N, C-alpha and C. Protein backbone atom coordinates (compact mmCIF):
# COMPACT_ATOMS: atom_id res chain seq x y z
N MET A 1 4.87 -8.55 5.15
CA MET A 1 3.24 -8.35 5.46
C MET A 1 2.30 -8.07 4.49
N GLY A 2 1.98 -9.54 4.72
CA GLY A 2 0.54 -9.59 3.56
C GLY A 2 -0.71 -9.83 4.20
N CYS A 3 -1.86 -9.31 3.68
CA CYS A 3 -3.08 -9.00 4.16
C CYS A 3 -3.64 -10.07 3.52
N GLY A 4 -3.57 -11.18 3.32
CA GLY A 4 -4.55 -11.81 1.57
C GLY A 4 -4.73 -11.42 0.50
N ARG A 5 -5.60 -11.77 0.08
CA ARG A 5 -5.44 -11.28 -1.56
C ARG A 5 -5.53 -9.55 -1.57
N HIS A 6 -5.11 -9.58 -3.24
CA HIS A 6 -5.50 -8.25 -3.23
C HIS A 6 -6.55 -7.53 -3.42
N LEU A 7 -6.78 -6.62 -2.46
CA LEU A 7 -8.35 -6.13 -2.31
C LEU A 7 -8.21 -4.54 -2.64
N GLY A 8 -7.24 -4.33 -3.90
CA GLY A 8 -7.38 -2.97 -4.71
C GLY A 8 -7.09 -1.79 -3.86
N TYR A 9 -7.25 -0.65 -4.38
CA TYR A 9 -6.86 0.61 -3.72
C TYR A 9 -8.17 1.10 -2.94
N ILE A 10 -8.11 1.88 -2.37
CA ILE A 10 -9.43 2.89 -1.45
C ILE A 10 -9.98 4.06 -2.18
N GLY A 11 -10.75 3.38 -3.02
CA GLY A 11 -12.02 4.12 -3.85
C GLY A 11 -11.37 5.09 -4.72
N LYS A 12 -12.26 6.06 -5.34
CA LYS A 12 -11.83 7.01 -6.12
C LYS A 12 -11.09 8.43 -5.74
N ARG A 13 -12.41 8.54 -4.69
CA ARG A 13 -11.56 9.54 -4.48
C ARG A 13 -11.48 9.31 -2.67
N GLY A 14 -10.40 9.56 -2.20
CA GLY A 14 -10.01 9.53 -0.72
C GLY A 14 -10.44 10.85 -0.08
N PRO A 15 -9.58 10.85 1.35
CA PRO A 15 -10.42 11.89 2.39
C PRO A 15 -9.73 13.59 2.21
N ARG A 16 -8.42 13.29 0.83
CA ARG A 16 -8.50 14.44 0.54
C ARG A 16 -9.05 15.05 -1.08
N GLY A 17 -9.68 13.93 -1.40
CA GLY A 17 -10.90 14.78 -2.16
C GLY A 17 -10.00 14.63 -3.65
N GLY A 18 -10.35 14.78 -4.96
CA GLY A 18 -9.74 15.03 -5.95
C GLY A 18 -9.01 13.86 -6.52
N ARG A 19 -8.14 13.10 -6.10
CA ARG A 19 -7.27 11.82 -6.65
C ARG A 19 -8.27 11.06 -7.31
N GLN A 20 -7.93 10.54 -8.23
CA GLN A 20 -9.05 9.18 -8.73
C GLN A 20 -7.79 8.38 -8.85
N GLY A 21 -8.48 7.01 -8.51
CA GLY A 21 -7.56 5.98 -9.24
C GLY A 21 -6.44 5.74 -8.21
N PRO A 22 -5.55 4.92 -8.11
CA PRO A 22 -4.06 4.46 -7.29
C PRO A 22 -3.42 5.76 -7.43
N ALA A 23 -2.59 6.39 -6.31
CA ALA A 23 -1.93 7.15 -6.62
C ALA A 23 -0.82 7.29 -7.66
N LEU A 24 0.13 6.02 -7.64
CA LEU A 24 1.02 5.62 -8.77
C LEU A 24 0.37 4.42 -9.49
N GLY A 25 -0.45 4.28 -10.59
CA GLY A 25 -0.67 3.58 -10.62
C GLY A 25 0.33 3.06 -11.98
N PRO A 26 0.36 1.97 -13.09
CA PRO A 26 1.35 1.24 -14.22
C PRO A 26 1.37 2.76 -15.04
N GLY A 27 2.54 3.20 -15.49
CA GLY A 27 2.95 4.06 -16.43
C GLY A 27 2.89 5.55 -15.29
N ARG A 28 1.82 5.61 -14.54
CA ARG A 28 1.86 7.00 -14.14
C ARG A 28 2.99 7.18 -12.77
N ARG A 29 2.96 8.72 -13.01
CA ARG A 29 4.44 9.32 -12.17
C ARG A 29 3.77 10.34 -10.89
N LEU A 30 4.14 10.25 -9.93
CA LEU A 30 4.19 11.36 -8.65
C LEU A 30 3.99 12.59 -9.66
N GLY A 31 3.39 13.68 -9.76
CA GLY A 31 3.84 15.37 -10.36
C GLY A 31 3.12 15.06 -11.59
N GLY A 32 2.17 13.68 -11.99
CA GLY A 32 1.59 14.49 -13.20
C GLY A 32 2.30 14.20 -14.64
N GLY A 33 1.90 14.78 -15.51
CA GLY A 33 2.39 14.69 -17.01
C GLY A 33 2.75 13.51 -17.58
N GLU A 34 3.95 13.68 -18.88
CA GLU A 34 3.87 12.05 -19.43
C GLU A 34 4.78 10.67 -18.27
N PRO A 35 4.28 9.94 -18.47
CA PRO A 35 4.85 8.69 -17.94
C PRO A 35 6.21 8.73 -18.28
N GLN A 36 7.59 8.50 -17.53
CA GLN A 36 8.63 8.03 -17.87
C GLN A 36 8.96 7.35 -16.90
N ALA A 37 8.91 6.11 -16.61
CA ALA A 37 9.39 4.96 -16.16
C ALA A 37 11.27 4.93 -16.33
N VAL A 38 11.29 5.13 -14.79
CA VAL A 38 13.23 5.21 -14.60
C VAL A 38 13.29 4.07 -13.82
N ILE A 39 12.42 3.57 -12.74
CA ILE A 39 12.33 2.84 -12.02
C ILE A 39 11.27 2.04 -11.96
N ARG A 40 11.27 0.45 -11.55
CA ARG A 40 10.30 -0.20 -11.72
C ARG A 40 9.67 -1.12 -10.22
N VAL A 41 8.68 -0.88 -10.02
CA VAL A 41 9.07 -1.56 -8.54
C VAL A 41 7.69 -2.69 -8.47
N VAL A 42 7.51 -3.62 -7.20
CA VAL A 42 6.19 -3.62 -7.46
C VAL A 42 5.42 -3.36 -5.81
N ILE A 43 4.32 -2.80 -5.88
CA ILE A 43 3.28 -2.09 -4.69
C ILE A 43 2.12 -2.88 -4.81
N ASN A 44 2.08 -4.05 -3.81
CA ASN A 44 0.96 -4.28 -3.43
C ASN A 44 0.46 -5.74 -3.84
N GLY A 45 1.67 -6.34 -5.10
CA GLY A 45 1.48 -7.22 -6.00
C GLY A 45 1.43 -6.57 -7.29
N GLU A 46 1.75 -5.56 -7.43
CA GLU A 46 1.05 -5.19 -8.43
C GLU A 46 2.21 -4.36 -9.54
N GLU A 47 3.12 -4.37 -10.24
CA GLU A 47 4.27 -3.89 -11.20
C GLU A 47 3.81 -2.71 -11.00
N GLN A 48 5.16 -1.43 -10.83
CA GLN A 48 4.72 -0.09 -10.85
C GLN A 48 5.82 0.35 -11.39
N SER A 49 5.72 1.98 -11.81
CA SER A 49 6.88 2.37 -13.02
C SER A 49 6.68 3.77 -11.96
N LEU A 50 7.82 3.92 -11.24
CA LEU A 50 8.19 5.39 -10.48
C LEU A 50 9.14 6.15 -11.15
N GLU A 51 8.83 7.72 -11.19
CA GLU A 51 9.90 8.59 -12.13
C GLU A 51 11.20 8.49 -11.60
N ARG A 52 11.23 8.26 -10.50
CA ARG A 52 12.63 8.28 -9.10
C ARG A 52 12.28 7.49 -7.84
N PRO A 53 13.45 7.03 -7.70
CA PRO A 53 12.75 6.66 -5.85
C PRO A 53 12.15 7.39 -5.00
N LEU A 54 11.57 6.92 -4.47
CA LEU A 54 10.70 7.80 -3.24
C LEU A 54 11.12 7.53 -1.89
N THR A 55 10.58 8.17 -1.25
CA THR A 55 10.44 7.86 0.47
C THR A 55 9.37 7.41 0.36
N VAL A 56 9.45 6.79 1.44
CA VAL A 56 7.89 5.87 2.03
C VAL A 56 6.83 7.23 2.25
N ALA A 57 7.07 7.89 3.03
CA ALA A 57 6.57 9.23 3.59
C ALA A 57 6.20 9.76 2.34
N GLU A 58 6.82 10.09 1.33
CA GLU A 58 6.62 10.72 0.01
C GLU A 58 5.25 9.32 -1.11
N TYR A 59 5.57 8.63 -0.64
CA TYR A 59 4.57 7.21 -1.75
C TYR A 59 3.60 7.60 -0.74
N VAL A 60 3.71 7.57 0.37
CA VAL A 60 1.80 7.12 1.40
C VAL A 60 1.37 8.72 0.94
N ALA A 61 2.78 9.86 1.26
CA ALA A 61 1.49 11.01 1.24
C ALA A 61 0.51 11.36 -0.17
N SER A 62 0.86 10.51 -1.28
CA SER A 62 0.91 10.40 -2.30
C SER A 62 -0.64 9.59 -2.49
N LEU A 63 -1.34 8.69 -1.39
CA LEU A 63 -2.01 7.77 -1.08
C LEU A 63 -3.52 8.42 -0.95
N PRO A 64 -4.89 8.17 -1.00
CA PRO A 64 -6.04 8.76 -0.62
C PRO A 64 -6.30 7.76 0.74
N VAL A 65 -5.49 8.19 1.21
CA VAL A 65 -5.60 7.85 2.90
C VAL A 65 -4.84 8.30 4.30
N ASN A 66 -5.44 8.21 5.07
CA ASN A 66 -5.06 8.81 6.09
C ASN A 66 -3.79 7.93 6.67
N ARG A 67 -2.83 8.52 6.84
CA ARG A 67 -1.39 7.92 6.87
C ARG A 67 -0.85 7.32 8.83
N ARG A 68 -2.45 7.83 9.59
CA ARG A 68 -2.00 7.04 10.83
C ARG A 68 -2.55 5.92 11.05
N TRP A 69 -2.90 5.43 9.52
CA TRP A 69 -3.81 4.06 9.76
C TRP A 69 -2.90 3.37 8.60
N VAL A 70 -1.81 3.57 8.17
CA VAL A 70 -1.24 3.01 7.19
C VAL A 70 0.15 2.17 7.90
N ALA A 71 -0.16 1.06 7.31
CA ALA A 71 1.78 0.55 7.78
C ALA A 71 2.87 0.05 6.36
N VAL A 72 3.49 -0.04 6.50
CA VAL A 72 4.67 -0.18 5.17
C VAL A 72 5.60 -0.95 5.55
N ALA A 73 5.91 -2.40 4.20
CA ALA A 73 6.56 -2.89 4.82
C ALA A 73 7.55 -2.80 3.36
N ARG A 74 8.93 -2.75 3.46
CA ARG A 74 9.56 -2.61 1.98
C ARG A 74 10.76 -4.21 2.58
N ASN A 75 10.16 -5.02 0.74
CA ASN A 75 11.13 -6.55 0.94
C ASN A 75 11.05 -6.98 2.18
N GLY A 76 9.85 -7.36 2.60
CA GLY A 76 9.50 -7.95 3.61
C GLY A 76 10.03 -7.62 4.96
N GLU A 77 10.53 -6.11 5.18
CA GLU A 77 10.72 -5.76 6.82
C GLU A 77 9.40 -4.65 6.67
N VAL A 78 9.14 -4.84 8.09
CA VAL A 78 8.33 -3.27 8.25
C VAL A 78 9.04 -2.19 8.41
N VAL A 79 8.65 -1.07 7.61
CA VAL A 79 9.18 0.11 8.04
C VAL A 79 8.93 1.21 9.06
N PRO A 80 9.56 0.98 10.07
CA PRO A 80 9.09 2.00 11.43
C PRO A 80 8.61 3.38 10.76
N ARG A 81 7.30 4.08 11.20
CA ARG A 81 6.65 5.31 10.56
C ARG A 81 8.34 6.30 11.17
N HIS A 82 8.80 6.34 11.50
CA HIS A 82 9.97 7.32 12.53
C HIS A 82 10.81 7.66 11.11
N ARG A 83 11.10 6.23 10.79
CA ARG A 83 12.44 5.99 9.23
C ARG A 83 11.55 6.47 7.82
N TRP A 84 10.18 6.57 7.84
CA TRP A 84 9.69 7.18 6.74
C TRP A 84 10.04 7.95 5.77
N HIS A 85 11.00 9.06 6.35
CA HIS A 85 11.27 10.07 5.91
C HIS A 85 12.89 9.33 5.01
N GLU A 86 13.61 8.24 5.77
CA GLU A 86 14.83 8.23 5.29
C GLU A 86 14.51 7.00 4.38
N VAL A 87 13.79 5.70 4.32
CA VAL A 87 13.69 4.62 3.67
C VAL A 87 13.32 5.13 2.03
N LEU A 88 13.93 4.60 1.23
CA LEU A 88 13.46 4.67 -0.28
C LEU A 88 13.26 4.04 -0.62
N ILE A 89 11.98 3.75 -1.46
CA ILE A 89 11.53 2.99 -2.26
C ILE A 89 12.23 2.79 -3.80
N GLU A 90 13.15 1.79 -3.89
CA GLU A 90 14.16 1.95 -4.84
C GLU A 90 13.92 0.83 -6.03
N GLU A 91 14.46 1.05 -7.35
CA GLU A 91 14.35 -0.46 -8.15
C GLU A 91 14.64 -1.83 -7.85
N GLY A 92 13.45 -2.49 -7.83
CA GLY A 92 13.48 -3.86 -7.79
C GLY A 92 12.93 -4.30 -6.38
N ASP A 93 12.44 -3.19 -5.81
CA ASP A 93 11.77 -3.58 -4.12
C ASP A 93 10.58 -3.61 -4.53
N VAL A 94 9.83 -4.66 -3.78
CA VAL A 94 8.54 -5.04 -3.33
C VAL A 94 8.02 -4.53 -2.04
N VAL A 95 7.06 -4.07 -1.91
CA VAL A 95 6.21 -3.16 -1.03
C VAL A 95 5.09 -3.42 -0.76
N GLU A 96 4.57 -3.74 0.59
CA GLU A 96 3.23 -3.57 0.76
C GLU A 96 3.16 -2.33 1.57
N VAL A 97 1.90 -2.00 1.63
CA VAL A 97 1.52 -0.87 2.14
C VAL A 97 0.21 -1.50 2.26
N VAL A 98 -0.29 -1.52 3.74
CA VAL A 98 -1.34 -1.95 4.28
C VAL A 98 -2.47 -1.03 4.82
N ARG A 99 -3.65 -0.54 5.13
CA ARG A 99 -4.32 -0.13 5.90
C ARG A 99 -5.14 -0.86 7.00
N MET A 100 -5.01 -0.38 7.87
CA MET A 100 -5.59 -0.77 9.60
C MET A 100 -7.12 -0.71 9.23
N VAL A 101 -7.73 -1.68 9.57
CA VAL A 101 -9.21 -1.72 9.47
C VAL A 101 -10.00 -2.69 11.25
N GLY A 102 -10.79 -2.22 11.37
CA GLY A 102 -11.50 -2.34 12.58
C GLY A 102 -12.35 -3.71 11.98
N GLY A 103 -12.77 -4.04 13.28
CA GLY A 103 -13.88 -5.15 12.95
C GLY A 103 -14.17 -5.89 14.42
N GLY A 104 -15.53 -6.38 14.14
CA GLY A 104 -15.67 -7.99 15.03
C GLY A 104 -15.96 -9.21 15.08
N ALA A 105 -15.97 -10.13 15.42
CA ALA A 105 -15.87 -11.50 15.07
C ALA A 105 -16.99 -12.02 14.36
N PRO A 106 -16.79 -12.70 13.85
CA PRO A 106 -18.08 -13.21 12.53
C PRO A 106 -18.89 -14.03 13.89
N ARG A 107 -20.55 -13.76 13.18
CA ARG A 107 -21.30 -14.32 14.03
C ARG A 107 -21.49 -15.84 14.46
N ASP A 108 -20.32 -16.57 13.58
CA ASP A 108 -20.43 -18.16 13.82
C ASP A 108 -18.93 -18.53 14.91
N GLY A 109 -18.91 -17.67 15.75
CA GLY A 109 -18.27 -17.58 16.88
C GLY A 109 -16.73 -18.05 16.48
N THR A 110 -16.21 -18.22 15.17
CA THR A 110 -14.90 -18.87 14.69
C THR A 110 -13.93 -18.23 15.18
N MET A 111 -14.00 -16.55 15.31
CA MET A 111 -13.15 -15.72 15.25
C MET A 111 -12.57 -15.28 13.80
N GLY A 112 -13.02 -15.92 12.71
CA GLY A 112 -12.71 -16.11 11.57
C GLY A 112 -11.35 -16.80 11.02
N VAL A 113 -10.71 -17.46 11.97
CA VAL A 113 -9.30 -17.89 11.79
C VAL A 113 -9.53 -19.05 10.85
N GLU A 114 -10.70 -20.30 10.98
CA GLU A 114 -10.34 -21.44 10.67
C GLU A 114 -11.28 -21.18 9.01
N SER A 115 -11.67 -20.03 8.54
CA SER A 115 -11.87 -20.06 7.26
C SER A 115 -10.73 -19.35 6.42
N ARG A 116 -9.59 -18.89 7.46
CA ARG A 116 -8.30 -18.22 6.68
C ARG A 116 -7.48 -19.51 6.35
N GLY A 117 -6.21 -19.03 4.95
CA GLY A 117 -5.25 -19.91 4.56
C GLY A 117 -4.47 -19.22 5.54
N PRO A 118 -3.01 -19.66 5.66
CA PRO A 118 -2.10 -19.59 6.36
C PRO A 118 -1.22 -18.17 5.60
N ASP A 119 -1.79 -17.80 4.76
CA ASP A 119 -1.55 -16.40 3.58
C ASP A 119 -2.17 -15.65 3.77
N GLN A 120 -3.25 -15.48 5.11
CA GLN A 120 -4.43 -14.50 4.80
C GLN A 120 -4.69 -14.21 6.08
N PRO A 121 -3.83 -13.20 6.59
CA PRO A 121 -3.97 -13.02 7.93
C PRO A 121 -4.99 -11.74 8.03
N THR A 122 -5.06 -11.42 9.06
CA THR A 122 -6.11 -10.47 9.51
C THR A 122 -5.64 -9.78 10.17
N GLY A 123 -6.57 -8.28 9.76
CA GLY A 123 -6.59 -7.27 10.76
C GLY A 123 -6.42 -6.08 9.62
N GLY A 124 -5.84 -6.15 8.37
CA GLY A 124 -5.36 -5.12 7.51
C GLY A 124 -6.07 -5.52 5.84
N ASP A 125 -5.67 -4.33 5.50
CA ASP A 125 -6.57 -3.69 4.04
C ASP A 125 -5.21 -3.74 3.39
N ARG A 126 -4.98 -4.04 2.10
CA ARG A 126 -4.08 -3.43 1.19
C ARG A 126 -4.43 -2.18 0.89
N VAL A 127 -3.72 -1.03 0.43
CA VAL A 127 -4.39 0.07 0.01
C VAL A 127 -3.68 0.40 -1.32
């Protein structure tokens, strides 16, 4: 589930306020404190260190974004929302987290398709 080139995380302060930067960046871990990398994963194209395996639900909850507008793929497979509490992000996993974005057609009438390559689908923005 790709959504074009990396577009970064969602701002410095999300809807929950207070959080700055990506929820779990390189060397950062859920829960704060000194980083102690136990597992390495790739999230939205960037290598990340996690203290332990996390469920998809735990990881999404750590992001400054409304989870209703988020889709997640783990190792190329979309994770249905009803399975977020049971699917683990583990050592070596490749995860894509995408926030749905609305929009209209470009003014030139092309629908934006001709200007995008095959690896740059429309309809989402990496979280």
